[in-house]
Amino acid sequence: MINQKDTRKEILRVFLAAPLIIVGITHFTHTEQFVRIVPPQLPNPVALVYISGFFEILGGIGLLIPLVSVLAAWGIIALFIAVFPANINQAINSIPIDGIPDYPLLYWFRLPFQIPLILWAGWYTKKPKLQPGADEVISQAAQNLVSSKDFKTID
């Protein structure tokens, strides 16, 4: 039985995953917007934008799949850390992105919000066996292992 705390956690899981998927897609549909904020010291900004977009989409989807949600959450944490230099570059150089209000102070205020985002994703790395659907996945994996023709018992 799922309690109210678990229900809230699962609703918040969707609220984290959905924007990741949407923003990840925009890395492919509005690539030039994200290329602008990639620090000039980094090579091949277009490739970096595509890679980060791919992993945002993958992380968002993965967060919703019990079998991989813990791994996806760790990947999202790594992603938030990896893109932080671009956020810093945007703030330092006041680089506008279409669709986001062009207030340089907003770019600076955005920086500390990476911490709660990292903590939010980190919430889904805790107690992996208690993640919704995990018991079914574990049971199914065990059943598949036992019924496998290659499974051998030790005598």
N, C-alpha and C. Protein backbone atom coordinates (compact mmCIF):
# COMPACT_ATOMS: atom_id res chain seq x y z
N MET A 1 0.83 -1.18 0.00
CA MET A 1 0.00 0.00 0.00
C MET A 1 0.88 1.25 0.00
N ILE A 2 0.54 2.18 -0.84
CA ILE A 2 1.31 3.41 -0.95
C ILE A 2 0.72 4.45 -0.01
N ASN A 3 1.58 5.04 0.83
CA ASN A 3 1.11 6.06 1.76
C ASN A 3 1.17 7.44 1.10
N GLN A 4 0.69 8.43 1.81
CA GLN A 4 0.61 9.78 1.27
C GLN A 4 2.00 10.34 0.93
N LYS A 5 2.98 10.03 1.77
CA LYS A 5 4.34 10.50 1.52
C LYS A 5 4.88 9.91 0.22
N ASP A 6 4.63 8.61 0.00
CA ASP A 6 5.08 7.97 -1.24
C ASP A 6 4.36 8.54 -2.46
N THR A 7 3.07 8.82 -2.30
CA THR A 7 2.30 9.40 -3.40
C THR A 7 2.87 10.75 -3.79
N ARG A 8 3.16 11.58 -2.79
CA ARG A 8 3.74 12.90 -3.05
C ARG A 8 5.10 12.75 -3.75
N LYS A 9 5.90 11.80 -3.29
CA LYS A 9 7.21 11.59 -3.89
C LYS A 9 7.07 11.18 -5.36
N GLU A 10 6.09 10.35 -5.66
CA GLU A 10 5.90 9.89 -7.03
C GLU A 10 5.35 11.00 -7.94
N ILE A 11 4.51 11.85 -7.40
CA ILE A 11 4.02 13.01 -8.17
C ILE A 11 5.20 13.93 -8.48
N LEU A 12 6.04 14.16 -7.48
CA LEU A 12 7.20 15.03 -7.68
C LEU A 12 8.20 14.40 -8.65
N ARG A 13 8.24 13.07 -8.71
CA ARG A 13 9.09 12.38 -9.69
C ARG A 13 8.69 12.80 -11.10
N VAL A 14 7.39 12.82 -11.35
CA VAL A 14 6.89 13.22 -12.68
C VAL A 14 7.20 14.69 -12.93
N PHE A 15 7.07 15.53 -11.89
CA PHE A 15 7.37 16.95 -12.04
C PHE A 15 8.85 17.21 -12.29
N LEU A 16 9.72 16.30 -11.94
CA LEU A 16 11.14 16.42 -12.27
C LEU A 16 11.40 15.83 -13.66
N ALA A 17 10.81 14.70 -13.94
CA ALA A 17 11.08 14.01 -15.20
C ALA A 17 10.53 14.77 -16.42
N ALA A 18 9.31 15.26 -16.33
CA ALA A 18 8.68 15.91 -17.49
C ALA A 18 9.48 17.11 -18.00
N PRO A 19 9.87 18.05 -17.14
CA PRO A 19 10.67 19.17 -17.66
C PRO A 19 12.02 18.72 -18.23
N LEU A 20 12.62 17.70 -17.64
CA LEU A 20 13.88 17.20 -18.19
C LEU A 20 13.68 16.71 -19.62
N ILE A 21 12.62 15.97 -19.83
CA ILE A 21 12.34 15.46 -21.18
C ILE A 21 12.07 16.61 -22.15
N ILE A 22 11.25 17.56 -21.71
CA ILE A 22 10.90 18.70 -22.57
C ILE A 22 12.12 19.55 -22.90
N VAL A 23 12.90 19.90 -21.87
CA VAL A 23 14.10 20.71 -22.11
C VAL A 23 15.11 19.92 -22.94
N GLY A 24 15.20 18.62 -22.70
CA GLY A 24 16.09 17.80 -23.51
C GLY A 24 15.71 17.85 -24.99
N ILE A 25 14.43 17.79 -25.26
CA ILE A 25 13.96 17.88 -26.66
C ILE A 25 14.33 19.24 -27.26
N THR A 26 14.20 20.30 -26.46
CA THR A 26 14.54 21.63 -26.99
C THR A 26 16.02 21.76 -27.33
N HIS A 27 16.86 20.91 -26.76
CA HIS A 27 18.27 20.91 -27.15
C HIS A 27 18.42 20.53 -28.63
N PHE A 28 17.46 19.80 -29.16
CA PHE A 28 17.50 19.38 -30.57
C PHE A 28 16.70 20.32 -31.46
N THR A 29 15.67 20.93 -30.91
CA THR A 29 14.82 21.81 -31.73
C THR A 29 15.28 23.26 -31.71
N HIS A 30 16.02 23.66 -30.69
CA HIS A 30 16.52 25.03 -30.56
C HIS A 30 18.00 25.00 -30.16
N THR A 31 18.75 24.20 -30.87
CA THR A 31 20.15 23.95 -30.54
C THR A 31 20.95 25.23 -30.37
N GLU A 32 20.74 26.18 -31.28
CA GLU A 32 21.55 27.41 -31.26
C GLU A 32 21.38 28.19 -29.95
N GLN A 33 20.21 28.07 -29.33
CA GLN A 33 19.98 28.76 -28.05
C GLN A 33 20.93 28.23 -26.96
N PHE A 34 21.13 26.94 -26.95
CA PHE A 34 21.97 26.32 -25.93
C PHE A 34 23.45 26.43 -26.29
N VAL A 35 23.75 26.43 -27.58
CA VAL A 35 25.14 26.57 -28.02
C VAL A 35 25.71 27.91 -27.51
N ARG A 36 24.88 28.93 -27.48
CA ARG A 36 25.33 30.26 -27.03
C ARG A 36 25.90 30.26 -25.62
N ILE A 37 25.36 29.39 -24.75
CA ILE A 37 25.80 29.44 -23.35
C ILE A 37 26.92 28.46 -23.02
N VAL A 38 27.30 27.62 -23.98
CA VAL A 38 28.42 26.71 -23.75
C VAL A 38 29.70 27.55 -23.62
N PRO A 39 30.45 27.34 -22.56
CA PRO A 39 31.69 28.13 -22.39
C PRO A 39 32.61 27.97 -23.60
N PRO A 40 33.20 29.08 -24.04
CA PRO A 40 34.05 29.03 -25.25
C PRO A 40 35.27 28.12 -25.10
N GLN A 41 35.66 27.80 -23.87
CA GLN A 41 36.82 26.94 -23.65
C GLN A 41 36.53 25.48 -23.99
N LEU A 42 35.25 25.14 -24.09
CA LEU A 42 34.88 23.74 -24.37
C LEU A 42 34.81 23.50 -25.87
N PRO A 43 35.26 22.32 -26.30
CA PRO A 43 35.25 22.02 -27.74
C PRO A 43 33.85 21.60 -28.22
N ASN A 44 33.62 21.82 -29.50
CA ASN A 44 32.43 21.35 -30.21
C ASN A 44 31.11 21.58 -29.44
N PRO A 45 30.71 22.83 -29.29
CA PRO A 45 29.51 23.15 -28.51
C PRO A 45 28.22 22.48 -29.02
N VAL A 46 28.11 22.33 -30.33
CA VAL A 46 26.89 21.69 -30.86
C VAL A 46 26.80 20.25 -30.38
N ALA A 47 27.90 19.53 -30.45
CA ALA A 47 27.91 18.14 -29.96
C ALA A 47 27.59 18.10 -28.47
N LEU A 48 28.15 19.01 -27.70
CA LEU A 48 27.88 19.03 -26.26
C LEU A 48 26.41 19.30 -25.97
N VAL A 49 25.79 20.17 -26.75
CA VAL A 49 24.36 20.45 -26.57
C VAL A 49 23.54 19.20 -26.91
N TYR A 50 23.88 18.53 -28.00
CA TYR A 50 23.16 17.31 -28.36
C TYR A 50 23.34 16.22 -27.29
N ILE A 51 24.56 16.08 -26.81
CA ILE A 51 24.83 15.06 -25.79
C ILE A 51 24.05 15.35 -24.52
N SER A 52 24.09 16.61 -24.07
CA SER A 52 23.36 16.95 -22.84
C SER A 52 21.85 16.80 -23.04
N GLY A 53 21.36 17.17 -24.22
CA GLY A 53 19.93 16.99 -24.50
C GLY A 53 19.53 15.53 -24.50
N PHE A 54 20.36 14.69 -25.11
CA PHE A 54 20.09 13.25 -25.13
C PHE A 54 20.01 12.70 -23.71
N PHE A 55 20.97 13.10 -22.88
CA PHE A 55 20.97 12.58 -21.51
C PHE A 55 19.88 13.18 -20.64
N GLU A 56 19.43 14.39 -20.96
CA GLU A 56 18.26 14.93 -20.24
C GLU A 56 17.02 14.10 -20.56
N ILE A 57 16.83 13.80 -21.83
CA ILE A 57 15.67 12.98 -22.23
C ILE A 57 15.79 11.59 -21.61
N LEU A 58 16.95 10.99 -21.74
CA LEU A 58 17.17 9.65 -21.20
C LEU A 58 16.96 9.63 -19.69
N GLY A 59 17.49 10.61 -19.00
CA GLY A 59 17.33 10.68 -17.55
C GLY A 59 15.88 10.87 -17.14
N GLY A 60 15.17 11.75 -17.84
CA GLY A 60 13.76 11.97 -17.53
C GLY A 60 12.92 10.72 -17.73
N ILE A 61 13.14 10.05 -18.84
CA ILE A 61 12.41 8.80 -19.10
C ILE A 61 12.83 7.73 -18.08
N GLY A 62 14.12 7.60 -17.88
CA GLY A 62 14.63 6.59 -16.95
C GLY A 62 14.12 6.77 -15.53
N LEU A 63 13.93 8.01 -15.13
CA LEU A 63 13.43 8.27 -13.78
C LEU A 63 12.02 7.69 -13.59
N LEU A 64 11.30 7.51 -14.67
CA LEU A 64 9.93 6.99 -14.61
C LEU A 64 9.86 5.47 -14.72
N ILE A 65 10.99 4.81 -14.96
CA ILE A 65 11.02 3.36 -15.14
C ILE A 65 11.67 2.73 -13.91
N PRO A 66 10.90 1.97 -13.14
CA PRO A 66 11.43 1.43 -11.87
C PRO A 66 12.76 0.69 -12.00
N LEU A 67 12.93 -0.09 -13.04
CA LEU A 67 14.14 -0.88 -13.19
C LEU A 67 15.40 -0.02 -13.25
N VAL A 68 15.30 1.16 -13.82
CA VAL A 68 16.49 2.00 -14.02
C VAL A 68 16.41 3.35 -13.32
N SER A 69 15.37 3.57 -12.51
CA SER A 69 15.15 4.91 -11.94
C SER A 69 16.29 5.38 -11.04
N VAL A 70 16.88 4.48 -10.28
CA VAL A 70 17.98 4.89 -9.39
C VAL A 70 19.20 5.29 -10.23
N LEU A 71 19.53 4.48 -11.21
CA LEU A 71 20.64 4.81 -12.10
C LEU A 71 20.36 6.12 -12.84
N ALA A 72 19.13 6.30 -13.29
CA ALA A 72 18.75 7.54 -13.98
C ALA A 72 18.90 8.74 -13.06
N ALA A 73 18.52 8.59 -11.80
CA ALA A 73 18.65 9.70 -10.85
C ALA A 73 20.12 10.09 -10.68
N TRP A 74 21.00 9.09 -10.58
CA TRP A 74 22.43 9.41 -10.49
C TRP A 74 22.92 10.10 -11.76
N GLY A 75 22.41 9.66 -12.90
CA GLY A 75 22.77 10.31 -14.17
C GLY A 75 22.30 11.75 -14.23
N ILE A 76 21.11 12.01 -13.71
CA ILE A 76 20.57 13.37 -13.68
C ILE A 76 21.44 14.26 -12.79
N ILE A 77 21.86 13.72 -11.66
CA ILE A 77 22.76 14.49 -10.78
C ILE A 77 24.04 14.84 -11.54
N ALA A 78 24.62 13.87 -12.22
CA ALA A 78 25.84 14.12 -13.01
C ALA A 78 25.58 15.17 -14.09
N LEU A 79 24.43 15.09 -14.72
CA LEU A 79 24.07 16.05 -15.76
C LEU A 79 23.96 17.46 -15.19
N PHE A 80 23.28 17.61 -14.06
CA PHE A 80 23.14 18.93 -13.45
C PHE A 80 24.52 19.53 -13.12
N ILE A 81 25.44 18.69 -12.71
CA ILE A 81 26.80 19.16 -12.42
C ILE A 81 27.53 19.49 -13.72
N ALA A 82 27.36 18.65 -14.73
CA ALA A 82 28.07 18.84 -16.01
C ALA A 82 27.64 20.12 -16.74
N VAL A 83 26.37 20.49 -16.64
CA VAL A 83 25.91 21.68 -17.37
C VAL A 83 26.09 22.96 -16.56
N PHE A 84 26.50 22.84 -15.32
CA PHE A 84 26.65 24.02 -14.48
C PHE A 84 27.60 25.07 -15.06
N PRO A 85 28.73 24.67 -15.68
CA PRO A 85 29.59 25.69 -16.31
C PRO A 85 28.86 26.52 -17.37
N ALA A 86 27.93 25.92 -18.09
CA ALA A 86 27.16 26.69 -19.08
C ALA A 86 26.27 27.70 -18.38
N ASN A 87 25.68 27.31 -17.25
CA ASN A 87 24.84 28.24 -16.49
C ASN A 87 25.68 29.40 -15.95
N ILE A 88 26.89 29.08 -15.49
CA ILE A 88 27.79 30.14 -15.00
C ILE A 88 28.16 31.07 -16.16
N ASN A 89 28.49 30.49 -17.31
CA ASN A 89 28.84 31.30 -18.48
C ASN A 89 27.68 32.22 -18.87
N GLN A 90 26.48 31.69 -18.82
CA GLN A 90 25.31 32.51 -19.15
C GLN A 90 25.19 33.69 -18.19
N ALA A 91 25.40 33.43 -16.91
CA ALA A 91 25.28 34.49 -15.90
C ALA A 91 26.39 35.53 -16.07
N ILE A 92 27.61 35.08 -16.21
CA ILE A 92 28.75 36.01 -16.32
C ILE A 92 28.62 36.90 -17.55
N ASN A 93 28.19 36.32 -18.65
CA ASN A 93 28.15 37.05 -19.93
C ASN A 93 26.75 37.53 -20.32
N SER A 94 25.78 37.36 -19.42
CA SER A 94 24.40 37.81 -19.67
C SER A 94 23.90 37.36 -21.04
N ILE A 95 23.98 36.07 -21.28
CA ILE A 95 23.60 35.51 -22.57
C ILE A 95 22.12 35.14 -22.54
N PRO A 96 21.32 35.80 -23.38
CA PRO A 96 19.88 35.50 -23.38
C PRO A 96 19.56 34.21 -24.12
N ILE A 97 18.49 33.56 -23.68
CA ILE A 97 17.94 32.39 -24.36
C ILE A 97 16.48 32.73 -24.64
N ASP A 98 16.06 32.53 -25.89
CA ASP A 98 14.68 32.81 -26.24
C ASP A 98 13.73 32.03 -25.34
N GLY A 99 12.67 32.70 -24.90
CA GLY A 99 11.68 32.05 -24.06
C GLY A 99 11.94 32.20 -22.58
N ILE A 100 13.13 32.68 -22.23
CA ILE A 100 13.47 32.94 -20.83
C ILE A 100 13.62 34.45 -20.69
N PRO A 101 12.97 35.06 -19.70
CA PRO A 101 13.09 36.52 -19.55
C PRO A 101 14.55 36.95 -19.51
N ASP A 102 14.86 37.98 -20.26
CA ASP A 102 16.24 38.45 -20.39
C ASP A 102 16.55 39.46 -19.29
N TYR A 103 16.72 38.94 -18.08
CA TYR A 103 17.12 39.75 -16.94
C TYR A 103 18.41 39.15 -16.41
N PRO A 104 19.54 39.82 -16.61
CA PRO A 104 20.82 39.26 -16.16
C PRO A 104 20.82 38.82 -14.70
N LEU A 105 20.10 39.53 -13.85
CA LEU A 105 20.05 39.14 -12.44
C LEU A 105 19.38 37.76 -12.29
N LEU A 106 18.43 37.47 -13.16
CA LEU A 106 17.75 36.17 -13.14
C LEU A 106 18.75 35.04 -13.38
N TYR A 107 19.70 35.26 -14.27
CA TYR A 107 20.70 34.23 -14.56
C TYR A 107 21.54 33.92 -13.31
N TRP A 108 21.83 34.95 -12.52
CA TRP A 108 22.59 34.74 -11.29
C TRP A 108 21.76 34.04 -10.23
N PHE A 109 20.48 34.42 -10.13
CA PHE A 109 19.61 33.78 -9.14
C PHE A 109 19.35 32.32 -9.48
N ARG A 110 19.48 32.00 -10.74
CA ARG A 110 19.25 30.62 -11.19
C ARG A 110 20.34 29.67 -10.69
N LEU A 111 21.55 30.16 -10.55
CA LEU A 111 22.69 29.30 -10.20
C LEU A 111 22.49 28.49 -8.92
N PRO A 112 22.06 29.12 -7.82
CA PRO A 112 21.91 28.33 -6.59
C PRO A 112 20.79 27.28 -6.67
N PHE A 113 19.90 27.39 -7.66
CA PHE A 113 18.82 26.42 -7.77
C PHE A 113 19.30 25.06 -8.27
N GLN A 114 20.55 24.99 -8.72
CA GLN A 114 21.10 23.68 -9.07
C GLN A 114 21.18 22.78 -7.85
N ILE A 115 21.40 23.37 -6.68
CA ILE A 115 21.54 22.57 -5.46
C ILE A 115 20.23 21.84 -5.14
N PRO A 116 19.08 22.54 -5.07
CA PRO A 116 17.85 21.78 -4.81
C PRO A 116 17.51 20.79 -5.93
N LEU A 117 17.89 21.11 -7.16
CA LEU A 117 17.64 20.15 -8.25
C LEU A 117 18.46 18.89 -8.05
N ILE A 118 19.71 19.06 -7.64
CA ILE A 118 20.56 17.90 -7.37
C ILE A 118 20.00 17.09 -6.20
N LEU A 119 19.59 17.79 -5.15
CA LEU A 119 19.00 17.09 -3.99
C LEU A 119 17.70 16.39 -4.36
N TRP A 120 16.91 17.03 -5.21
CA TRP A 120 15.64 16.44 -5.66
C TRP A 120 15.92 15.14 -6.40
N ALA A 121 16.85 15.17 -7.34
CA ALA A 121 17.20 13.94 -8.06
C ALA A 121 17.79 12.91 -7.09
N GLY A 122 18.58 13.39 -6.13
CA GLY A 122 19.18 12.50 -5.15
C GLY A 122 18.16 11.76 -4.30
N TRP A 123 17.00 12.35 -4.12
CA TRP A 123 15.91 11.72 -3.36
C TRP A 123 15.54 10.37 -3.98
N TYR A 124 15.71 10.26 -5.29
CA TYR A 124 15.32 9.02 -5.99
C TYR A 124 16.45 8.01 -6.07
N THR A 125 17.58 8.30 -5.41
CA THR A 125 18.66 7.31 -5.33
C THR A 125 18.58 6.56 -4.01
N LYS A 126 17.73 6.99 -3.11
CA LYS A 126 17.64 6.41 -1.77
C LYS A 126 16.77 5.16 -1.77
N LYS A 127 17.19 4.17 -1.04
CA LYS A 127 16.44 2.93 -0.83
C LYS A 127 15.86 2.37 -2.14
N PRO A 128 16.74 1.95 -3.04
CA PRO A 128 16.26 1.50 -4.35
C PRO A 128 15.25 0.36 -4.29
N LYS A 129 15.35 -0.50 -3.28
CA LYS A 129 14.40 -1.61 -3.19
C LYS A 129 12.99 -1.14 -2.85
N LEU A 130 12.88 0.08 -2.34
CA LEU A 130 11.56 0.62 -1.99
C LEU A 130 10.97 1.48 -3.09
N GLN A 131 11.69 1.62 -4.21
CA GLN A 131 11.15 2.41 -5.32
C GLN A 131 9.89 1.69 -5.86
N PRO A 132 8.88 2.45 -6.25
CA PRO A 132 7.67 1.82 -6.78
C PRO A 132 8.00 0.88 -7.94
N GLY A 133 7.47 -0.31 -7.88
CA GLY A 133 7.67 -1.29 -8.92
C GLY A 133 8.93 -2.12 -8.74
N ALA A 134 9.80 -1.73 -7.81
CA ALA A 134 11.07 -2.44 -7.64
C ALA A 134 10.86 -3.88 -7.22
N ASP A 135 9.90 -4.12 -6.32
CA ASP A 135 9.68 -5.49 -5.86
C ASP A 135 9.22 -6.39 -7.01
N GLU A 136 8.40 -5.85 -7.91
CA GLU A 136 7.97 -6.64 -9.07
C GLU A 136 9.14 -6.93 -10.00
N VAL A 137 9.99 -5.92 -10.20
CA VAL A 137 11.14 -6.10 -11.08
C VAL A 137 12.09 -7.13 -10.49
N ILE A 138 12.35 -7.04 -9.20
CA ILE A 138 13.25 -7.99 -8.53
C ILE A 138 12.66 -9.40 -8.58
N SER A 139 11.36 -9.53 -8.30
CA SER A 139 10.71 -10.85 -8.35
C SER A 139 10.77 -11.44 -9.75
N GLN A 140 10.50 -10.61 -10.76
CA GLN A 140 10.52 -11.08 -12.14
C GLN A 140 11.93 -11.50 -12.54
N ALA A 141 12.92 -10.71 -12.15
CA ALA A 141 14.31 -11.05 -12.48
C ALA A 141 14.71 -12.37 -11.82
N ALA A 142 14.32 -12.55 -10.56
CA ALA A 142 14.64 -13.79 -9.85
C ALA A 142 13.95 -14.98 -10.51
N GLN A 143 12.69 -14.79 -10.89
CA GLN A 143 11.94 -15.86 -11.54
C GLN A 143 12.57 -16.22 -12.88
N ASN A 144 12.99 -15.21 -13.63
CA ASN A 144 13.64 -15.46 -14.92
C ASN A 144 14.97 -16.19 -14.73
N LEU A 145 15.69 -15.83 -13.69
CA LEU A 145 16.97 -16.49 -13.41
C LEU A 145 16.76 -17.95 -13.06
N VAL A 146 15.78 -18.23 -12.20
CA VAL A 146 15.50 -19.60 -11.77
C VAL A 146 15.00 -20.45 -12.94
N SER A 147 14.18 -19.87 -13.80
CA SER A 147 13.61 -20.65 -14.90
C SER A 147 14.55 -20.72 -16.10
N SER A 148 15.67 -20.01 -16.03
CA SER A 148 16.61 -20.01 -17.13
C SER A 148 17.22 -21.39 -17.31
N LYS A 149 17.42 -21.79 -18.55
CA LYS A 149 18.04 -23.08 -18.84
C LYS A 149 19.48 -23.11 -18.40
N ASP A 150 20.11 -21.93 -18.32
CA ASP A 150 21.52 -21.88 -17.96
C ASP A 150 21.72 -21.85 -16.44
N PHE A 151 20.64 -21.80 -15.68
CA PHE A 151 20.77 -21.73 -14.22
C PHE A 151 21.18 -23.10 -13.68
N LYS A 152 22.26 -23.12 -12.92
CA LYS A 152 22.75 -24.36 -12.37
C LYS A 152 22.83 -24.23 -10.87
N THR A 153 22.45 -25.25 -10.19
CA THR A 153 22.54 -25.25 -8.73
C THR A 153 23.89 -25.82 -8.31
N ILE A 154 24.32 -25.40 -7.16
CA ILE A 154 25.57 -25.92 -6.62
C ILE A 154 25.23 -27.10 -5.75
N ASP A 155 25.84 -28.24 -6.05
CA ASP A 155 25.56 -29.47 -5.29
C ASP A 155 26.46 -29.58 -4.10
